[in-house]
């Protein structure tokens, strides 16, 4: 299912649709491998099967939903960028232990400096 959630933006020729993306369909509330199956036929993504009881959305609806999905991804990219560089949970636990239990704040202060640098590197 994760693979289906990745952006599939190749052109489709299925029933006249020009842009079929799994993410556009997901944004509309459809579930991959439950409501639909998208495949790459070598020249682009196509809806191979439609199982949903709801009618298949129009090309315009899918494209608009994909634009909305992409805007959401773009707006939260900083979160994914920060996540990869933030200190690990283990580092945070050790720093908290040293700061709270052992009353040594050096680790806490160092990690807070790292966190602030990452936030400045990837602003909201």
PDB file of N, CA and C in Angstrom:
ATOM      1  N   UNK A   1       0.815  -1.181   0.000  1.00  0.00           N
ATOM      2  CA  UNK A   1       0.000   0.000   0.000  1.00  0.00           C
ATOM      3  C   UNK A   1       0.866   1.255   0.000  1.00  0.00           C
ATOM      4  N   UNK A   2       2.024   1.226   0.672  1.00  0.00           N
ATOM      5  CA  UNK A   2       2.913   2.390   0.674  1.00  0.00           C
ATOM      6  C   UNK A   2       3.356   2.742  -0.735  1.00  0.00           C
ATOM      7  N   UNK A   3       3.644   1.708  -1.531  1.00  0.00           N
ATOM      8  CA  UNK A   3       4.085   1.969  -2.900  1.00  0.00           C
ATOM      9  C   UNK A   3       2.981   2.683  -3.660  1.00  0.00           C
ATOM     10  N   UNK A   4       1.743   2.254  -3.441  1.00  0.00           N
ATOM     11  CA  UNK A   4       0.622   2.880  -4.136  1.00  0.00           C
ATOM     12  C   UNK A   4       0.438   4.322  -3.703  1.00  0.00           C
ATOM     13  N   UNK A   5       0.874   4.669  -2.476  1.00  0.00           N
ATOM     14  CA  UNK A   5       0.692   6.019  -1.986  1.00  0.00           C
ATOM     15  C   UNK A   5       1.750   6.975  -2.515  1.00  0.00           C
ATOM     16  N   UNK A   6       2.834   6.460  -3.065  1.00  0.00           N
ATOM     17  CA  UNK A   6       3.840   7.340  -3.650  1.00  0.00           C
ATOM     18  C   UNK A   6       3.262   7.965  -4.912  1.00  0.00           C
ATOM     19  N   UNK A   7       3.753   9.125  -5.213  1.00  0.00           N
ATOM     20  CA  UNK A   7       3.215   9.862  -6.352  1.00  0.00           C
ATOM     21  C   UNK A   7       3.411   9.083  -7.640  1.00  0.00           C
ATOM     22  N   UNK A   8       2.303   8.861  -8.322  1.00  0.00           N
ATOM     23  CA  UNK A   8       2.332   8.239  -9.647  1.00  0.00           C
ATOM     24  C   UNK A   8       1.758   9.281 -10.584  1.00  0.00           C
ATOM     25  N   UNK A   9       2.620   9.935 -11.334  1.00  0.00           N
ATOM     26  CA  UNK A   9       2.120  11.072 -12.100  1.00  0.00           C
ATOM     27  C   UNK A   9       2.280  10.923 -13.605  1.00  0.00           C
ATOM     28  N   UNK A  10       2.508   9.725 -14.072  1.00  0.00           N
ATOM     29  CA  UNK A  10       2.671   9.548 -15.510  1.00  0.00           C
ATOM     30  C   UNK A  10       1.313   9.655 -16.199  1.00  0.00           C
ATOM     31  N   UNK A  11       1.350   9.916 -17.473  1.00  0.00           N
ATOM     32  CA  UNK A  11       0.116  10.106 -18.237  1.00  0.00           C
ATOM     33  C   UNK A  11      -0.567   8.767 -18.483  1.00  0.00           C
ATOM     34  N   UNK A  12      -1.870   8.759 -18.350  1.00  0.00           N
ATOM     35  CA  UNK A  12      -2.669   7.567 -18.592  1.00  0.00           C
ATOM     36  C   UNK A  12      -3.497   7.751 -19.854  1.00  0.00           C
ATOM     37  N   UNK A  13      -3.719   6.649 -20.534  1.00  0.00           N
ATOM     38  CA  UNK A  13      -4.583   6.692 -21.703  1.00  0.00           C
ATOM     39  C   UNK A  13      -5.872   5.913 -21.454  1.00  0.00           C
ATOM     40  N   UNK A  14      -6.123   5.541 -20.210  1.00  0.00           N
ATOM     41  CA  UNK A  14      -7.278   4.725 -19.882  1.00  0.00           C
ATOM     42  C   UNK A  14      -8.546   5.552 -19.934  1.00  0.00           C
ATOM     43  N   UNK A  15      -9.459   5.198 -20.758  1.00  0.00           N
ATOM     44  CA  UNK A  15     -10.750   5.865 -20.929  1.00  0.00           C
ATOM     45  C   UNK A  15     -10.615   7.378 -21.062  1.00  0.00           C
ATOM     46  N   UNK A  16      -9.595   7.828 -21.761  1.00  0.00           N
ATOM     47  CA  UNK A  16      -9.453   9.242 -22.029  1.00  0.00           C
ATOM     48  C   UNK A  16      -8.855  10.063 -20.908  1.00  0.00           C
ATOM     49  N   UNK A  17      -8.439   9.436 -19.810  1.00  0.00           N
ATOM     50  CA  UNK A  17      -7.843  10.182 -18.708  1.00  0.00           C
ATOM     51  C   UNK A  17      -6.422  10.559 -19.077  1.00  0.00           C
ATOM     52  N   UNK A  18      -6.070  11.804 -18.855  1.00  0.00           N
ATOM     53  CA  UNK A  18      -4.729  12.274 -19.169  1.00  0.00           C
ATOM     54  C   UNK A  18      -3.785  12.190 -17.981  1.00  0.00           C
ATOM     55  N   UNK A  19      -4.305  12.356 -16.759  1.00  0.00           N
ATOM     56  CA  UNK A  19      -3.434  12.367 -15.589  1.00  0.00           C
ATOM     57  C   UNK A  19      -4.099  11.548 -14.486  1.00  0.00           C
ATOM     58  N   UNK A  20      -3.602  10.364 -14.262  1.00  0.00           N
ATOM     59  CA  UNK A  20      -4.132   9.513 -13.204  1.00  0.00           C
ATOM     60  C   UNK A  20      -3.037   9.362 -12.159  1.00  0.00           C
ATOM     61  N   UNK A  21      -3.335   9.755 -10.948  1.00  0.00           N
ATOM     62  CA  UNK A  21      -2.383   9.552  -9.867  1.00  0.00           C
ATOM     63  C   UNK A  21      -3.072   8.836  -8.731  1.00  0.00           C
ATOM     64  N   UNK A  22      -2.354   7.906  -8.115  1.00  0.00           N
ATOM     65  CA  UNK A  22      -2.879   7.228  -6.936  1.00  0.00           C
ATOM     66  C   UNK A  22      -3.108   8.247  -5.835  1.00  0.00           C
ATOM     67  N   UNK A  23      -2.221   9.207  -5.704  1.00  0.00           N
ATOM     68  CA  UNK A  23      -2.369  10.202  -4.639  1.00  0.00           C
ATOM     69  C   UNK A  23      -3.607  11.060  -4.824  1.00  0.00           C
ATOM     70  N   UNK A  24      -3.958  11.380  -6.049  1.00  0.00           N
ATOM     71  CA  UNK A  24      -5.188  12.126  -6.292  1.00  0.00           C
ATOM     72  C   UNK A  24      -6.402  11.325  -5.855  1.00  0.00           C
ATOM     73  N   UNK A  25      -6.400  10.049  -6.178  1.00  0.00           N
ATOM     74  CA  UNK A  25      -7.510   9.188  -5.767  1.00  0.00           C
ATOM     75  C   UNK A  25      -7.551   9.020  -4.253  1.00  0.00           C
ATOM     76  N   UNK A  26      -6.399   8.880  -3.630  1.00  0.00           N
ATOM     77  CA  UNK A  26      -6.329   8.768  -2.164  1.00  0.00           C
ATOM     78  C   UNK A  26      -6.846  10.050  -1.525  1.00  0.00           C
ATOM     79  N   UNK A  27      -6.461  11.196  -2.070  1.00  0.00           N
ATOM     80  CA  UNK A  27      -6.921  12.485  -1.552  1.00  0.00           C
ATOM     81  C   UNK A  27      -8.446  12.576  -1.609  1.00  0.00           C
ATOM     82  N   UNK A  28      -9.037  11.931  -2.601  1.00  0.00           N
ATOM     83  CA  UNK A  28     -10.489  11.933  -2.738  1.00  0.00           C
ATOM     84  C   UNK A  28     -11.164  10.920  -1.804  1.00  0.00           C
ATOM     85  N   UNK A  29     -10.349  10.158  -1.072  1.00  0.00           N
ATOM     86  CA  UNK A  29     -10.902   9.222  -0.098  1.00  0.00           C
ATOM     87  C   UNK A  29     -10.944   7.782  -0.556  1.00  0.00           C
ATOM     88  N   UNK A  30     -10.399   7.495  -1.725  1.00  0.00           N
ATOM     89  CA  UNK A  30     -10.368   6.117  -2.200  1.00  0.00           C
ATOM     90  C   UNK A  30      -9.133   5.406  -1.657  1.00  0.00           C
ATOM     91  N   UNK A  31      -9.237   4.094  -1.497  1.00  0.00           N
ATOM     92  CA  UNK A  31      -8.165   3.308  -0.886  1.00  0.00           C
ATOM     93  C   UNK A  31      -7.551   2.382  -1.940  1.00  0.00           C
ATOM     94  N   UNK A  32      -6.203   2.464  -2.106  1.00  0.00           N
ATOM     95  CA  UNK A  32      -5.543   1.581  -3.063  1.00  0.00           C
ATOM     96  C   UNK A  32      -5.759   0.114  -2.684  1.00  0.00           C
ATOM     97  N   UNK A  33      -5.907  -0.729  -3.650  1.00  0.00           N
ATOM     98  CA  UNK A  33      -6.094  -2.169  -3.483  1.00  0.00           C
ATOM     99  C   UNK A  33      -7.410  -2.525  -2.802  1.00  0.00           C
ATOM    100  N   UNK A  34      -8.237  -1.526  -2.523  1.00  0.00           N
ATOM    101  CA  UNK A  34      -9.596  -1.753  -2.034  1.00  0.00           C
ATOM    102  C   UNK A  34     -10.570  -1.165  -3.046  1.00  0.00           C
ATOM    103  N   UNK A  35     -10.337   0.101  -3.416  1.00  0.00           N
ATOM    104  CA  UNK A  35     -11.206   0.786  -4.368  1.00  0.00           C
ATOM    105  C   UNK A  35     -10.670   0.785  -5.795  1.00  0.00           C
ATOM    106  N   UNK A  36      -9.373   0.697  -5.933  1.00  0.00           N
ATOM    107  CA  UNK A  36      -8.779   0.780  -7.272  1.00  0.00           C
ATOM    108  C   UNK A  36      -7.398   0.135  -7.284  1.00  0.00           C
ATOM    109  N   UNK A  37      -6.930  -0.124  -8.488  1.00  0.00           N
ATOM    110  CA  UNK A  37      -5.553  -0.584  -8.684  1.00  0.00           C
ATOM    111  C   UNK A  37      -4.963   0.195  -9.833  1.00  0.00           C
ATOM    112  N   UNK A  38      -3.824   0.847  -9.564  1.00  0.00           N
ATOM    113  CA  UNK A  38      -3.105   1.617 -10.571  1.00  0.00           C
ATOM    114  C   UNK A  38      -1.841   0.852 -10.918  1.00  0.00           C
ATOM    115  N   UNK A  39      -1.536   0.771 -12.193  1.00  0.00           N
ATOM    116  CA  UNK A  39      -0.305   0.128 -12.661  1.00  0.00           C
ATOM    117  C   UNK A  39       0.381   1.021 -13.676  1.00  0.00           C
ATOM    118  N   UNK A  40       1.679   0.817 -13.805  1.00  0.00           N
ATOM    119  CA  UNK A  40       2.445   1.497 -14.849  1.00  0.00           C
ATOM    120  C   UNK A  40       2.521   0.538 -16.025  1.00  0.00           C
ATOM    121  N   UNK A  41       1.938   0.926 -17.131  1.00  0.00           N
ATOM    122  CA  UNK A  41       1.926   0.057 -18.312  1.00  0.00           C
ATOM    123  C   UNK A  41       3.152   0.256 -19.198  1.00  0.00           C
ATOM    124  N   UNK A  42       4.146   0.948 -18.695  1.00  0.00           N
ATOM    125  CA  UNK A  42       5.353   1.220 -19.461  1.00  0.00           C
ATOM    126  C   UNK A  42       5.343   2.602 -20.090  1.00  0.00           C
ATOM    127  N   UNK A  43       4.171   3.134 -20.290  1.00  0.00           N
ATOM    128  CA  UNK A  43       4.085   4.483 -20.840  1.00  0.00           C
ATOM    129  C   UNK A  43       3.388   5.434 -19.873  1.00  0.00           C
ATOM    130  N   UNK A  44       3.086   4.923 -18.695  1.00  0.00           N
ATOM    131  CA  UNK A  44       2.467   5.776 -17.692  1.00  0.00           C
ATOM    132  C   UNK A  44       1.535   5.003 -16.790  1.00  0.00           C
ATOM    133  N   UNK A  45       1.030   5.699 -15.801  1.00  0.00           N
ATOM    134  CA  UNK A  45       0.125   5.086 -14.829  1.00  0.00           C
ATOM    135  C   UNK A  45      -1.278   4.996 -15.413  1.00  0.00           C
ATOM    136  N   UNK A  46      -1.887   3.848 -15.185  1.00  0.00           N
ATOM    137  CA  UNK A  46      -3.261   3.635 -15.632  1.00  0.00           C
ATOM    138  C   UNK A  46      -4.053   2.985 -14.510  1.00  0.00           C
ATOM    139  N   UNK A  47      -5.334   3.289 -14.451  1.00  0.00           N
ATOM    140  CA  UNK A  47      -6.215   2.580 -13.527  1.00  0.00           C
ATOM    141  C   UNK A  47      -6.544   1.260 -14.199  1.00  0.00           C
ATOM    142  N   UNK A  48      -6.037   0.190 -13.640  1.00  0.00           N
ATOM    143  CA  UNK A  48      -6.277  -1.127 -14.213  1.00  0.00           C
ATOM    144  C   UNK A  48      -7.615  -1.685 -13.769  1.00  0.00           C
ATOM    145  N   UNK A  49      -7.997  -1.398 -12.506  1.00  0.00           N
ATOM    146  CA  UNK A  49      -9.266  -1.912 -12.011  1.00  0.00           C
ATOM    147  C   UNK A  49      -9.909  -0.879 -11.094  1.00  0.00           C
ATOM    148  N   UNK A  50     -11.239  -0.802 -11.175  1.00  0.00           N
ATOM    149  CA  UNK A  50     -12.006   0.095 -10.319  1.00  0.00           C
ATOM    150  C   UNK A  50     -13.050  -0.749  -9.588  1.00  0.00           C
ATOM    151  N   UNK A  51     -12.904  -0.868  -8.264  1.00  0.00           N
ATOM    152  CA  UNK A  51     -13.798  -1.714  -7.462  1.00  0.00           C
ATOM    153  C   UNK A  51     -14.723  -0.903  -6.571  1.00  0.00           C
ATOM    154  N   UNK A  52     -14.498   0.359  -6.425  1.00  0.00           N
ATOM    155  CA  UNK A  52     -15.287   1.171  -5.502  1.00  0.00           C
ATOM    156  C   UNK A  52     -16.761   1.171  -5.903  1.00  0.00           C
ATOM    157  N   UNK A  53     -17.621   1.199  -4.884  1.00  0.00           N
ATOM    158  CA  UNK A  53     -19.056   1.335  -5.135  1.00  0.00           C
ATOM    159  C   UNK A  53     -19.377   2.757  -5.599  1.00  0.00           C
ATOM    160  N   UNK A  54     -18.495   3.691  -5.273  1.00  0.00           N
ATOM    161  CA  UNK A  54     -18.677   5.076  -5.726  1.00  0.00           C
ATOM    162  C   UNK A  54     -18.258   5.191  -7.182  1.00  0.00           C
ATOM    163  N   UNK A  55     -18.858   6.119  -7.904  1.00  0.00           N
ATOM    164  CA  UNK A  55     -18.453   6.298  -9.300  1.00  0.00           C
ATOM    165  C   UNK A  55     -17.006   6.780  -9.389  1.00  0.00           C
ATOM    166  N   UNK A  56     -16.378   6.374 -10.453  1.00  0.00           N
ATOM    167  CA  UNK A  56     -14.994   6.814 -10.665  1.00  0.00           C
ATOM    168  C   UNK A  56     -14.985   8.314 -10.898  1.00  0.00           C
ATOM    169  N   UNK A  57     -14.098   9.052 -10.207  1.00  0.00           N
ATOM    170  CA  UNK A  57     -14.055  10.504 -10.387  1.00  0.00           C
ATOM    171  C   UNK A  57     -13.612  10.893 -11.796  1.00  0.00           C
ATOM    172  N   UNK A  58     -13.965  12.093 -12.167  1.00  0.00           N
ATOM    173  CA  UNK A  58     -13.573  12.592 -13.486  1.00  0.00           C
ATOM    174  C   UNK A  58     -12.085  12.930 -13.490  1.00  0.00           C
ATOM    175  N   UNK A  59     -11.581  13.115 -14.677  1.00  0.00           N
ATOM    176  CA  UNK A  59     -10.182  13.518 -14.843  1.00  0.00           C
ATOM    177  C   UNK A  59      -9.899  14.803 -14.085  1.00  0.00           C
ATOM    178  N   UNK A  60     -10.793  15.779 -14.198  1.00  0.00           N
ATOM    179  CA  UNK A  60     -10.604  17.064 -13.531  1.00  0.00           C
ATOM    180  C   UNK A  60     -10.594  16.901 -12.014  1.00  0.00           C
ATOM    181  N   UNK A  61     -11.471  16.054 -11.493  1.00  0.00           N
ATOM    182  CA  UNK A  61     -11.513  15.822 -10.042  1.00  0.00           C
ATOM    183  C   UNK A  61     -10.220  15.170  -9.549  1.00  0.00           C
ATOM    184  N   UNK A  62      -9.728  14.194 -10.292  1.00  0.00           N
ATOM    185  CA  UNK A  62      -8.491  13.509  -9.903  1.00  0.00           C
ATOM    186  C   UNK A  62      -7.314  14.479  -9.967  1.00  0.00           C
ATOM    187  N   UNK A  63      -7.236  15.251 -11.044  1.00  0.00           N
ATOM    188  CA  UNK A  63      -6.137  16.216 -11.185  1.00  0.00           C
ATOM    189  C   UNK A  63      -6.185  17.277 -10.093  1.00  0.00           C
ATOM    190  N   UNK A  64      -7.379  17.797  -9.771  1.00  0.00           N
ATOM    191  CA  UNK A  64      -7.509  18.810  -8.718  1.00  0.00           C
ATOM    192  C   UNK A  64      -7.120  18.229  -7.363  1.00  0.00           C
ATOM    193  N   UNK A  65      -7.521  16.994  -7.108  1.00  0.00           N
ATOM    194  CA  UNK A  65      -7.167  16.341  -5.842  1.00  0.00           C
ATOM    195  C   UNK A  65      -5.664  16.100  -5.760  1.00  0.00           C
ATOM    196  N   UNK A  66      -5.051  15.771  -6.889  1.00  0.00           N
ATOM    197  CA  UNK A  66      -3.604  15.566  -6.893  1.00  0.00           C
ATOM    198  C   UNK A  66      -2.873  16.881  -6.600  1.00  0.00           C
ATOM    199  N   UNK A  67      -3.347  17.972  -7.161  1.00  0.00           N
ATOM    200  CA  UNK A  67      -2.755  19.292  -6.899  1.00  0.00           C
ATOM    201  C   UNK A  67      -2.885  19.617  -5.407  1.00  0.00           C
ATOM    202  N   UNK A  68      -4.049  19.335  -4.836  1.00  0.00           N
ATOM    203  CA  UNK A  68      -4.277  19.574  -3.407  1.00  0.00           C
ATOM    204  C   UNK A  68      -3.342  18.700  -2.560  1.00  0.00           C
ATOM    205  N   UNK A  69      -3.219  17.423  -2.934  1.00  0.00           N
ATOM    206  CA  UNK A  69      -2.323  16.507  -2.213  1.00  0.00           C
ATOM    207  C   UNK A  69      -0.887  17.023  -2.279  1.00  0.00           C
ATOM    208  N   UNK A  70      -0.449  17.425  -3.473  1.00  0.00           N
ATOM    209  CA  UNK A  70       0.920  17.908  -3.639  1.00  0.00           C
ATOM    210  C   UNK A  70       1.167  19.175  -2.837  1.00  0.00           C
ATOM    211  N   UNK A  71       0.185  20.067  -2.788  1.00  0.00           N
ATOM    212  CA  UNK A  71       0.317  21.291  -1.990  1.00  0.00           C
ATOM    213  C   UNK A  71       0.495  20.949  -0.519  1.00  0.00           C
ATOM    214  N   UNK A  72      -0.237  19.949  -0.045  1.00  0.00           N
ATOM    215  CA  UNK A  72      -0.079  19.500   1.334  1.00  0.00           C
ATOM    216  C   UNK A  72       1.301  18.921   1.588  1.00  0.00           C
ATOM    217  N   UNK A  73       1.809  18.159   0.626  1.00  0.00           N
ATOM    218  CA  UNK A  73       3.157  17.596   0.745  1.00  0.00           C
ATOM    219  C   UNK A  73       4.204  18.701   0.767  1.00  0.00           C
ATOM    220  N   UNK A  74       4.041  19.673  -0.121  1.00  0.00           N
ATOM    221  CA  UNK A  74       4.999  20.785  -0.178  1.00  0.00           C
ATOM    222  C   UNK A  74       4.986  21.592   1.117  1.00  0.00           C
ATOM    223  N   UNK A  75       3.787  21.784   1.678  1.00  0.00           N
ATOM    224  CA  UNK A  75       3.655  22.594   2.892  1.00  0.00           C
ATOM    225  C   UNK A  75       4.264  21.922   4.116  1.00  0.00           C
ATOM    226  N   UNK A  76       4.398  20.612   4.075  1.00  0.00           N
ATOM    227  CA  UNK A  76       4.942  19.883   5.230  1.00  0.00           C
ATOM    228  C   UNK A  76       6.299  19.237   4.946  1.00  0.00           C
ATOM    229  N   UNK A  77       6.933  19.611   3.844  1.00  0.00           N
ATOM    230  CA  UNK A  77       8.239  19.032   3.508  1.00  0.00           C
ATOM    231  C   UNK A  77       9.259  19.288   4.614  1.00  0.00           C
ATOM    232  N   UNK A  78       9.188  20.466   5.234  1.00  0.00           N
ATOM    233  CA  UNK A  78      10.129  20.792   6.310  1.00  0.00           C
ATOM    234  C   UNK A  78      10.072  19.750   7.429  1.00  0.00           C
ATOM    235  N   UNK A  79       8.897  19.194   7.697  1.00  0.00           N
ATOM    236  CA  UNK A  79       8.770  18.182   8.749  1.00  0.00           C
ATOM    237  C   UNK A  79       9.560  16.928   8.409  1.00  0.00           C
ATOM    238  N   UNK A  80       9.466  16.483   7.163  1.00  0.00           N
ATOM    239  CA  UNK A  80      10.207  15.293   6.742  1.00  0.00           C
ATOM    240  C   UNK A  80      11.707  15.556   6.713  1.00  0.00           C
ATOM    241  N   UNK A  81      12.088  16.768   6.298  1.00  0.00           N
ATOM    242  CA  UNK A  81      13.509  17.129   6.286  1.00  0.00           C
ATOM    243  C   UNK A  81      14.079  17.157   7.702  1.00  0.00           C
ATOM    244  N   UNK A  82      13.339  17.749   8.613  1.00  0.00           N
ATOM    245  CA  UNK A  82      13.796  17.829  10.002  1.00  0.00           C
ATOM    246  C   UNK A  82      13.913  16.447  10.625  1.00  0.00           C
ATOM    247  N   UNK A  83      12.942  15.601  10.379  1.00  0.00           N
ATOM    248  CA  UNK A  83      12.886  14.267  10.987  1.00  0.00           C
ATOM    249  C   UNK A  83      14.172  13.484  10.762  1.00  0.00           C
ATOM    250  N   UNK A  84      14.734  13.592   9.579  1.00  0.00           N
ATOM    251  CA  UNK A  84      15.937  12.814   9.264  1.00  0.00           C
ATOM    252  C   UNK A  84      17.167  13.304  10.007  1.00  0.00           C
ATOM    253  N   UNK A  85      17.151  14.559  10.455  1.00  0.00           N
ATOM    254  CA  UNK A  85      18.332  15.121  11.110  1.00  0.00           C
ATOM    255  C   UNK A  85      18.196  15.318  12.616  1.00  0.00           C
ATOM    256  N   UNK A  86      16.983  15.226  13.131  1.00  0.00           N
ATOM    257  CA  UNK A  86      16.802  15.400  14.575  1.00  0.00           C
ATOM    258  C   UNK A  86      17.561  14.319  15.348  1.00  0.00           C
ATOM    259  N   UNK A  87      17.939  14.624  16.587  1.00  0.00           N
ATOM    260  CA  UNK A  87      18.574  13.600  17.427  1.00  0.00           C
ATOM    261  C   UNK A  87      17.633  12.398  17.600  1.00  0.00           C
ATOM    262  N   UNK A  88      18.241  11.231  17.824  1.00  0.00           N
ATOM    263  CA  UNK A  88      17.430  10.021  17.999  1.00  0.00           C
ATOM    264  C   UNK A  88      16.702  10.055  19.341  1.00  0.00           C
ATOM    265  N   UNK A  89      15.716   9.202  19.462  1.00  0.00           N
ATOM    266  CA  UNK A  89      14.980   9.073  20.723  1.00  0.00           C
ATOM    267  C   UNK A  89      15.936   8.678  21.845  1.00  0.00           C
ATOM    268  N   UNK A  90      16.871   7.783  21.557  1.00  0.00           N
ATOM    269  CA  UNK A  90      17.856   7.376  22.572  1.00  0.00           C
ATOM    270  C   UNK A  90      18.655   8.581  23.075  1.00  0.00           C
ATOM    271  N   UNK A  91      19.098   9.426  22.141  1.00  0.00           N
ATOM    272  CA  UNK A  91      19.848  10.618  22.543  1.00  0.00           C
ATOM    273  C   UNK A  91      19.002  11.554  23.415  1.00  0.00           C
ATOM    274  N   UNK A  92      17.733  11.697  23.052  1.00  0.00           N
ATOM    275  CA  UNK A  92      16.845  12.557  23.829  1.00  0.00           C
ATOM    276  C   UNK A  92      16.593  11.998  25.228  1.00  0.00           C
ATOM    277  N   UNK A  93      16.403  10.678  25.324  1.00  0.00           N
ATOM    278  CA  UNK A  93      16.167  10.053  26.626  1.00  0.00           C
ATOM    279  C   UNK A  93      17.387  10.222  27.528  1.00  0.00           C
ATOM    280  N   UNK A  94      18.575   9.977  26.979  1.00  0.00           N
ATOM    281  CA  UNK A  94      19.798  10.132  27.774  1.00  0.00           C
ATOM    282  C   UNK A  94      19.949  11.578  28.244  1.00  0.00           C
ATOM    283  N   UNK A  95      19.719  12.526  27.344  1.00  0.00           N
ATOM    284  CA  UNK A  95      19.843  13.938  27.716  1.00  0.00           C
ATOM    285  C   UNK A  95      18.830  14.313  28.793  1.00  0.00           C
ATOM    286  N   UNK A  96      17.605  13.829  28.649  1.00  0.00           N
ATOM    287  CA  UNK A  96      16.595  14.113  29.670  1.00  0.00           C
ATOM    288  C   UNK A  96      16.986  13.501  31.017  1.00  0.00           C
ATOM    289  N   UNK A  97      17.474  12.266  30.998  1.00  0.00           N
ATOM    290  CA  UNK A  97      17.902  11.605  32.234  1.00  0.00           C
ATOM    291  C   UNK A  97      19.011  12.414  32.917  1.00  0.00           C
ATOM    292  N   UNK A  98      19.996  12.772  32.114  1.00  0.00           N
ATOM    293  CA  UNK A  98      21.105  13.540  32.686  1.00  0.00           C
ATOM    294  C   UNK A  98      20.623  14.889  33.220  1.00  0.00           C
ATOM    295  N   UNK A  99      19.693  15.524  32.507  1.00  0.00           N
ATOM    296  CA  UNK A  99      19.213  16.829  32.933  1.00  0.00           C
ATOM    297  C   UNK A  99      18.303  16.776  34.142  1.00  0.00           C
ATOM    298  N   UNK A 100      17.381  15.827  34.174  1.00  0.00           N
ATOM    299  CA  UNK A 100      16.390  15.778  35.245  1.00  0.00           C
ATOM    300  C   UNK A 100      16.902  15.015  36.463  1.00  0.00           C
ATOM    301  N   UNK A 101      17.430  13.817  36.245  1.00  0.00           N
ATOM    302  CA  UNK A 101      17.823  12.963  37.362  1.00  0.00           C
ATOM    303  C   UNK A 101      19.198  13.341  37.905  1.00  0.00           C
ATOM    304  N   UNK A 102      20.140  13.524  36.994  1.00  0.00           N
ATOM    305  CA  UNK A 102      21.518  13.788  37.425  1.00  0.00           C
ATOM    306  C   UNK A 102      21.833  15.276  37.539  1.00  0.00           C
ATOM    307  N   UNK A 103      20.872  16.114  37.172  1.00  0.00           N
ATOM    308  CA  UNK A 103      21.023  17.562  37.237  1.00  0.00           C
ATOM    309  C   UNK A 103      22.257  18.069  36.478  1.00  0.00           C
ATOM    310  N   UNK A 104      22.504  17.420  35.337  1.00  0.00           N
ATOM    311  CA  UNK A 104      23.580  17.863  34.434  1.00  0.00           C
ATOM    312  C   UNK A 104      22.909  18.309  33.143  1.00  0.00           C
ATOM    313  N   UNK A 105      22.869  19.580  32.892  1.00  0.00           N
ATOM    314  CA  UNK A 105      22.128  20.139  31.767  1.00  0.00           C
ATOM    315  C   UNK A 105      22.934  20.249  30.474  1.00  0.00           C
ATOM    316  N   UNK A 106      24.196  19.869  30.478  1.00  0.00           N
ATOM    317  CA  UNK A 106      25.035  20.031  29.285  1.00  0.00           C
ATOM    318  C   UNK A 106      24.455  19.277  28.088  1.00  0.00           C
ATOM    319  N   UNK A 107      24.004  18.020  28.285  1.00  0.00           N
ATOM    320  CA  UNK A 107      23.441  17.232  27.178  1.00  0.00           C
ATOM    321  C   UNK A 107      22.155  17.856  26.645  1.00  0.00           C
ATOM    322  N   UNK A 108      21.323  18.323  27.563  1.00  0.00           N
ATOM    323  CA  UNK A 108      20.063  18.951  27.165  1.00  0.00           C
ATOM    324  C   UNK A 108      20.341  20.213  26.357  1.00  0.00           C
ATOM    325  N   UNK A 109      21.254  21.010  26.840  1.00  0.00           N
ATOM    326  CA  UNK A 109      21.605  22.260  26.167  1.00  0.00           C
ATOM    327  C   UNK A 109      22.191  21.984  24.789  1.00  0.00           C
ATOM    328  N   UNK A 110      23.054  20.974  24.686  1.00  0.00           N
ATOM    329  CA  UNK A 110      23.653  20.610  23.398  1.00  0.00           C
ATOM    330  C   UNK A 110      22.584  20.150  22.413  1.00  0.00           C
ATOM    331  N   UNK A 111      21.685  19.264  22.843  1.00  0.00           N
ATOM    332  CA  UNK A 111      20.641  18.769  21.942  1.00  0.00           C
ATOM    333  C   UNK A 111      19.668  19.873  21.536  1.00  0.00           C
ATOM    334  N   UNK A 112      19.387  20.782  22.442  1.00  0.00           N
ATOM    335  CA  UNK A 112      18.503  21.893  22.077  1.00  0.00           C
ATOM    336  C   UNK A 112      19.173  22.777  21.023  1.00  0.00           C
ATOM    337  N   UNK A 113      20.478  22.934  21.126  1.00  0.00           N
ATOM    338  CA  UNK A 113      21.218  23.675  20.091  1.00  0.00           C
ATOM    339  C   UNK A 113      21.132  22.986  18.743  1.00  0.00           C
ATOM    340  N   UNK A 114      21.255  21.655  18.754  1.00  0.00           N
ATOM    341  CA  UNK A 114      21.138  20.871  17.511  1.00  0.00           C
ATOM    342  C   UNK A 114      19.736  21.036  16.937  1.00  0.00           C
ATOM    343  N   UNK A 115      18.716  20.912  17.760  1.00  0.00           N
ATOM    344  CA  UNK A 115      17.327  21.049  17.306  1.00  0.00           C
ATOM    345  C   UNK A 115      17.066  22.426  16.700  1.00  0.00           C
ATOM    346  N   UNK A 116      17.551  23.471  17.356  1.00  0.00           N
ATOM    347  CA  UNK A 116      17.331  24.823  16.855  1.00  0.00           C
ATOM    348  C   UNK A 116      18.041  25.044  15.520  1.00  0.00           C
ATOM    349  N   UNK A 117      19.242  24.489  15.376  1.00  0.00           N
ATOM    350  CA  UNK A 117      19.977  24.605  14.110  1.00  0.00           C
ATOM    351  C   UNK A 117      19.211  23.925  12.977  1.00  0.00           C
ATOM    352  N   UNK A 118      18.617  22.765  13.270  1.00  0.00           N
ATOM    353  CA  UNK A 118      17.837  22.040  12.257  1.00  0.00           C
ATOM    354  C   UNK A 118      16.588  22.840  11.894  1.00  0.00           C
ATOM    355  N   UNK A 119      15.930  23.429  12.896  1.00  0.00           N
ATOM    356  CA  UNK A 119      14.746  24.245  12.620  1.00  0.00           C
ATOM    357  C   UNK A 119      15.095  25.456  11.762  1.00  0.00           C
ATOM    358  N   UNK A 120      16.257  26.039  11.985  1.00  0.00           N
ATOM    359  CA  UNK A 120      16.674  27.171  11.155  1.00  0.00           C
ATOM    360  C   UNK A 120      17.028  26.727   9.734  1.00  0.00           C
ATOM    361  N   UNK A 121      17.612  25.531   9.629  1.00  0.00           N
ATOM    362  CA  UNK A 121      17.982  24.996   8.323  1.00  0.00           C
ATOM    363  C   UNK A 121      16.732  24.672   7.496  1.00  0.00           C
ATOM    364  N   UNK A 122      15.665  24.168   8.161  1.00  0.00           N
ATOM    365  CA  UNK A 122      14.423  23.805   7.482  1.00  0.00           C
ATOM    366  C   UNK A 122      13.263  24.580   8.117  1.00  0.00           C
ATOM    367  N   UNK A 123      13.096  25.855   7.780  1.00  0.00           N
ATOM    368  CA  UNK A 123      12.014  26.649   8.380  1.00  0.00           C
ATOM    369  C   UNK A 123      10.639  26.203   7.879  1.00  0.00           C
ATOM    370  N   UNK A 124       9.620  26.576   8.634  1.00  0.00           N
ATOM    371  CA  UNK A 124       8.244  26.264   8.218  1.00  0.00           C
ATOM    372  C   UNK A 124       7.868  27.087   7.011  1.00  0.00           C
TER     373      UNK A 124
END
